[in-house]
Amino acid sequence: MTTVRRASVTDSPETAEHGLTGRDRRQLLAARRHIDAHLADALRASEVARIAGLIETALRQGFRALFGTGVYA
């Protein structure tokens, strides 16, 4: 019997290259969605991080690693 292994987000070279787990990636994407949904609002990185379940440092570093840009860009 052959076992088929499903690929996960952490298997992608892009994610592995940045040292991000699948959970990190999902949280960063949630943060980005929140920012996109509230473009007209004055957002603080600490608030976005809290909403995404991250600490502010992880949010800033993760944005740089995954998106190649800062949180406020």
C-alpha atoms as a PDB file:
ATOM      1  CA  MET A   1       0.000   0.000   0.000  1.00  0.00           C
ATOM      2  CA  THR A   2       1.337   3.437  -0.956  1.00  0.00           C
ATOM      3  CA  THR A   3       0.918   6.317   1.446  1.00  0.00           C
ATOM      4  CA  VAL A   4       0.248   9.695  -0.115  1.00  0.00           C
ATOM      5  CA  ARG A   5       1.462  12.661   1.878  1.00  0.00           C
ATOM      6  CA  ARG A   6      -0.388  15.921   1.411  1.00  0.00           C
ATOM      7  CA  ALA A   7       1.677  19.043   0.944  1.00  0.00           C
ATOM      8  CA  SER A   8       1.284  21.699   3.587  1.00  0.00           C
ATOM      9  CA  VAL A   9       2.042  25.407   3.717  1.00  0.00           C
ATOM     10  CA  THR A  10       5.258  24.687   5.570  1.00  0.00           C
ATOM     11  CA  ASP A  11       6.447  22.557   2.644  1.00  0.00           C
ATOM     12  CA  SER A  12       6.665  25.470   0.232  1.00  0.00           C
ATOM     13  CA  PRO A  13      10.214  26.643  -0.468  1.00  0.00           C
ATOM     14  CA  GLU A  14       9.152  30.263   0.066  1.00  0.00           C
ATOM     15  CA  THR A  15       7.902  29.573   3.589  1.00  0.00           C
ATOM     16  CA  ALA A  16      10.829  27.342   4.541  1.00  0.00           C
ATOM     17  CA  GLU A  17      13.255  29.886   3.153  1.00  0.00           C
ATOM     18  CA  HIS A  18      11.948  32.535   5.533  1.00  0.00           C
ATOM     19  CA  GLY A  19      11.878  30.240   8.554  1.00  0.00           C
ATOM     20  CA  LEU A  20       8.116  30.681   8.942  1.00  0.00           C
ATOM     21  CA  THR A  21       5.800  27.908  10.014  1.00  0.00           C
ATOM     22  CA  GLY A  22       2.376  27.398   8.511  1.00  0.00           C
ATOM     23  CA  ARG A  23       0.897  28.963  11.652  1.00  0.00           C
ATOM     24  CA  ASP A  24       3.164  32.025  11.306  1.00  0.00           C
ATOM     25  CA  ARG A  25       2.096  32.421   7.712  1.00  0.00           C
ATOM     26  CA  ARG A  26      -1.618  32.154   8.558  1.00  0.00           C
ATOM     27  CA  GLN A  27      -1.274  34.742  11.331  1.00  0.00           C
ATOM     28  CA  LEU A  28       0.606  37.143   9.074  1.00  0.00           C
ATOM     29  CA  LEU A  29      -1.998  36.735   6.350  1.00  0.00           C
ATOM     30  CA  ALA A  30      -4.727  37.441   8.931  1.00  0.00           C
ATOM     31  CA  ALA A  31      -2.867  40.592   9.965  1.00  0.00           C
ATOM     32  CA  ARG A  32      -2.614  41.693   6.355  1.00  0.00           C
ATOM     33  CA  ARG A  33      -6.328  41.061   5.776  1.00  0.00           C
ATOM     34  CA  HIS A  34      -7.129  43.157   8.852  1.00  0.00           C
ATOM     35  CA  ILE A  35      -4.935  45.992   7.613  1.00  0.00           C
ATOM     36  CA  ASP A  36      -6.501  45.824   4.138  1.00  0.00           C
ATOM     37  CA  ALA A  37      -9.991  45.903   5.647  1.00  0.00           C
ATOM     38  CA  HIS A  38      -9.162  48.966   7.771  1.00  0.00           C
ATOM     39  CA  LEU A  39      -7.074  51.106   5.425  1.00  0.00           C
ATOM     40  CA  ALA A  40      -8.940  54.281   6.368  1.00  0.00           C
ATOM     41  CA  ASP A  41      -8.398  53.713  10.099  1.00  0.00           C
ATOM     42  CA  ALA A  42      -5.382  54.762  12.136  1.00  0.00           C
ATOM     43  CA  LEU A  43      -3.957  51.360  13.037  1.00  0.00           C
ATOM     44  CA  ARG A  44      -1.212  50.579  15.520  1.00  0.00           C
ATOM     45  CA  ALA A  45       1.139  47.666  14.904  1.00  0.00           C
ATOM     46  CA  SER A  46       0.548  46.471  18.463  1.00  0.00           C
ATOM     47  CA  GLU A  47      -3.213  46.278  17.833  1.00  0.00           C
ATOM     48  CA  VAL A  48      -2.788  44.435  14.528  1.00  0.00           C
ATOM     49  CA  ALA A  49      -0.371  42.010  16.178  1.00  0.00           C
ATOM     50  CA  ARG A  50      -2.825  41.332  19.013  1.00  0.00           C
ATOM     51  CA  ILE A  51      -5.679  40.690  16.581  1.00  0.00           C
ATOM     52  CA  ALA A  52      -3.520  38.266  14.582  1.00  0.00           C
ATOM     53  CA  GLY A  53      -2.295  36.473  17.718  1.00  0.00           C
ATOM     54  CA  LEU A  54       1.300  37.659  17.401  1.00  0.00           C
ATOM     55  CA  ILE A  55       3.654  39.791  19.413  1.00  0.00           C
ATOM     56  CA  GLU A  56       4.601  43.055  17.729  1.00  0.00           C
ATOM     57  CA  THR A  57       8.192  41.995  17.031  1.00  0.00           C
ATOM     58  CA  ALA A  58       6.995  38.809  15.311  1.00  0.00           C
ATOM     59  CA  LEU A  59       4.534  40.856  13.240  1.00  0.00           C
ATOM     60  CA  ARG A  60       7.240  43.272  12.077  1.00  0.00           C
ATOM     61  CA  GLN A  61       9.815  40.572  11.338  1.00  0.00           C
ATOM     62  CA  GLY A  62       7.254  38.295   9.725  1.00  0.00           C
ATOM     63  CA  PHE A  63       5.952  41.035   7.429  1.00  0.00           C
ATOM     64  CA  ARG A  64       9.498  41.759   6.311  1.00  0.00           C
ATOM     65  CA  ALA A  65      10.207  38.050   5.728  1.00  0.00           C
ATOM     66  CA  LEU A  66       6.936  37.039   4.051  1.00  0.00           C
ATOM     67  CA  PHE A  67       5.895  40.166   2.186  1.00  0.00           C
ATOM     68  CA  GLY A  68       9.240  41.919   1.760  1.00  0.00           C
ATOM     69  CA  THR A  69       7.875  45.116   3.249  1.00  0.00           C
ATOM     70  CA  GLY A  70       7.202  46.727   6.593  1.00  0.00           C
ATOM     71  CA  VAL A  71       3.857  46.687   8.372  1.00  0.00           C
ATOM     72  CA  TYR A  72       3.154  50.342   7.607  1.00  0.00           C
ATOM     73  CA  ALA A  73       4.106  50.133   3.945  1.00  0.00           C
END
